[in-house]
Amino acid sequence: MAKTQRQLTAVYQKRGRGYIGWIEEIPGANTQGATFAEVKENLKEAVGLVIEHVL
């Protein structure tokens, strides 16, 4: 099976002492974290979980 690459839009916002993030094109792919680096890593994991659930 050939791999397909897509460009997705990650949105990050500072909220209080932490950050939130989500992917515009994937409902349910959202997360939060204490630092920007943490929310980026959490968002990668969230996307993986959503895709795994769909497949």
N, C-alpha and C. Protein backbone atom coordinates (compact mmCIF):
# COMPACT_ATOMS: atom_id res chain seq x y z
N MET A 1 0.84 -1.17 0.00
CA MET A 1 0.00 0.00 0.00
C MET A 1 0.89 1.24 0.00
N ALA A 2 0.62 2.18 -0.86
CA ALA A 2 1.41 3.41 -0.97
C ALA A 2 1.04 4.36 0.16
N LYS A 3 2.04 5.05 0.68
CA LYS A 3 1.80 6.04 1.71
C LYS A 3 1.41 7.36 1.07
N THR A 4 0.44 8.01 1.67
CA THR A 4 0.00 9.31 1.19
C THR A 4 0.37 10.35 2.24
N GLN A 5 0.96 11.44 1.80
CA GLN A 5 1.28 12.52 2.72
C GLN A 5 0.26 13.63 2.55
N ARG A 6 -0.16 14.17 3.67
CA ARG A 6 -1.10 15.29 3.66
C ARG A 6 -0.55 16.39 4.55
N GLN A 7 -0.88 17.59 4.19
CA GLN A 7 -0.50 18.71 5.03
C GLN A 7 -1.71 19.07 5.89
N LEU A 8 -1.50 19.12 7.20
CA LEU A 8 -2.57 19.42 8.13
C LEU A 8 -2.27 20.74 8.85
N THR A 9 -3.31 21.36 9.38
CA THR A 9 -3.16 22.63 10.07
C THR A 9 -3.24 22.42 11.57
N ALA A 10 -2.11 22.61 12.24
CA ALA A 10 -2.07 22.53 13.71
C ALA A 10 -2.24 23.94 14.26
N VAL A 11 -3.15 24.08 15.22
CA VAL A 11 -3.41 25.37 15.85
C VAL A 11 -3.02 25.25 17.32
N TYR A 12 -2.25 26.22 17.79
CA TYR A 12 -1.82 26.25 19.19
C TYR A 12 -2.22 27.58 19.80
N GLN A 13 -2.69 27.54 21.04
CA GLN A 13 -3.03 28.76 21.75
C GLN A 13 -2.52 28.68 23.17
N LYS A 14 -1.99 29.79 23.67
CA LYS A 14 -1.59 29.90 25.07
C LYS A 14 -2.85 30.18 25.86
N ARG A 15 -3.09 29.38 26.88
CA ARG A 15 -4.27 29.55 27.73
C ARG A 15 -3.82 29.51 29.18
N GLY A 16 -3.89 30.62 29.85
CA GLY A 16 -3.47 30.66 31.26
C GLY A 16 -2.01 30.28 31.37
N ARG A 17 -1.73 29.24 32.15
CA ARG A 17 -0.36 28.77 32.36
C ARG A 17 0.06 27.69 31.37
N GLY A 18 -0.84 27.25 30.52
CA GLY A 18 -0.51 26.16 29.60
C GLY A 18 -0.89 26.49 28.17
N TYR A 19 -0.97 25.44 27.36
CA TYR A 19 -1.29 25.57 25.95
C TYR A 19 -2.35 24.55 25.56
N ILE A 20 -3.10 24.88 24.53
CA ILE A 20 -4.01 23.92 23.92
C ILE A 20 -3.63 23.82 22.45
N GLY A 21 -3.99 22.71 21.84
CA GLY A 21 -3.69 22.54 20.42
C GLY A 21 -4.69 21.60 19.79
N TRP A 22 -4.92 21.79 18.49
CA TRP A 22 -5.81 20.91 17.75
C TRP A 22 -5.45 20.94 16.28
N ILE A 23 -5.95 19.94 15.57
CA ILE A 23 -5.77 19.86 14.12
C ILE A 23 -7.10 20.24 13.48
N GLU A 24 -7.06 21.26 12.66
CA GLU A 24 -8.29 21.77 12.02
C GLU A 24 -9.03 20.69 11.24
N GLU A 25 -8.32 19.86 10.52
CA GLU A 25 -8.94 18.91 9.60
C GLU A 25 -9.35 17.58 10.23
N ILE A 26 -9.02 17.36 11.51
CA ILE A 26 -9.33 16.07 12.14
C ILE A 26 -10.13 16.30 13.42
N PRO A 27 -11.45 16.14 13.35
CA PRO A 27 -12.27 16.29 14.56
C PRO A 27 -11.81 15.31 15.65
N GLY A 28 -11.69 15.80 16.85
CA GLY A 28 -11.27 14.96 17.96
C GLY A 28 -9.78 14.95 18.21
N ALA A 29 -9.00 15.53 17.31
CA ALA A 29 -7.55 15.59 17.51
C ALA A 29 -7.21 16.90 18.21
N ASN A 30 -7.31 16.88 19.53
CA ASN A 30 -7.01 18.06 20.33
C ASN A 30 -6.37 17.64 21.64
N THR A 31 -5.68 18.57 22.26
CA THR A 31 -4.95 18.24 23.48
C THR A 31 -4.59 19.51 24.24
N GLN A 32 -3.93 19.30 25.36
CA GLN A 32 -3.41 20.42 26.16
C GLN A 32 -2.09 20.01 26.77
N GLY A 33 -1.34 20.99 27.23
CA GLY A 33 -0.06 20.70 27.85
C GLY A 33 0.44 21.90 28.62
N ALA A 34 1.36 21.67 29.52
CA ALA A 34 1.92 22.74 30.35
C ALA A 34 2.88 23.61 29.55
N THR A 35 3.55 23.02 28.56
CA THR A 35 4.51 23.77 27.74
C THR A 35 4.15 23.59 26.27
N PHE A 36 4.72 24.46 25.44
CA PHE A 36 4.48 24.35 24.00
C PHE A 36 5.01 23.02 23.47
N ALA A 37 6.19 22.63 23.92
CA ALA A 37 6.78 21.36 23.48
C ALA A 37 5.88 20.18 23.88
N GLU A 38 5.33 20.23 25.07
CA GLU A 38 4.46 19.15 25.55
C GLU A 38 3.18 19.07 24.72
N VAL A 39 2.57 20.21 24.43
CA VAL A 39 1.34 20.17 23.65
C VAL A 39 1.60 19.69 22.23
N LYS A 40 2.76 20.03 21.65
CA LYS A 40 3.10 19.53 20.31
C LYS A 40 3.23 18.01 20.33
N GLU A 41 3.92 17.47 21.31
CA GLU A 41 4.09 16.02 21.42
C GLU A 41 2.75 15.33 21.68
N ASN A 42 1.95 15.91 22.55
CA ASN A 42 0.62 15.35 22.85
C ASN A 42 -0.26 15.35 21.61
N LEU A 43 -0.13 16.38 20.79
CA LEU A 43 -0.96 16.47 19.59
C LEU A 43 -0.58 15.39 18.57
N LYS A 44 0.69 15.10 18.46
CA LYS A 44 1.12 14.00 17.58
C LYS A 44 0.48 12.69 18.03
N GLU A 45 0.49 12.46 19.33
CA GLU A 45 -0.11 11.25 19.88
C GLU A 45 -1.62 11.23 19.64
N ALA A 46 -2.28 12.37 19.84
CA ALA A 46 -3.73 12.45 19.64
C ALA A 46 -4.10 12.13 18.20
N VAL A 47 -3.35 12.66 17.26
CA VAL A 47 -3.61 12.39 15.85
C VAL A 47 -3.47 10.90 15.56
N GLY A 48 -2.42 10.29 16.10
CA GLY A 48 -2.21 8.86 15.92
C GLY A 48 -3.35 8.03 16.46
N LEU A 49 -3.86 8.43 17.63
CA LEU A 49 -4.98 7.70 18.24
C LEU A 49 -6.26 7.84 17.43
N VAL A 50 -6.53 9.04 16.93
CA VAL A 50 -7.74 9.26 16.13
C VAL A 50 -7.66 8.45 14.84
N ILE A 51 -6.51 8.48 14.18
CA ILE A 51 -6.34 7.72 12.93
C ILE A 51 -6.45 6.23 13.18
N GLU A 52 -5.83 5.76 14.26
CA GLU A 52 -5.90 4.34 14.62
C GLU A 52 -7.34 3.91 14.86
N HIS A 53 -8.12 4.76 15.50
CA HIS A 53 -9.51 4.45 15.80
C HIS A 53 -10.34 4.38 14.52
N VAL A 54 -10.04 5.25 13.56
CA VAL A 54 -10.80 5.29 12.31
C VAL A 54 -10.48 4.08 11.43
N LEU A 55 -9.22 3.68 11.43
CA LEU A 55 -8.82 2.56 10.58
C LEU A 55 -9.20 1.29 11.29
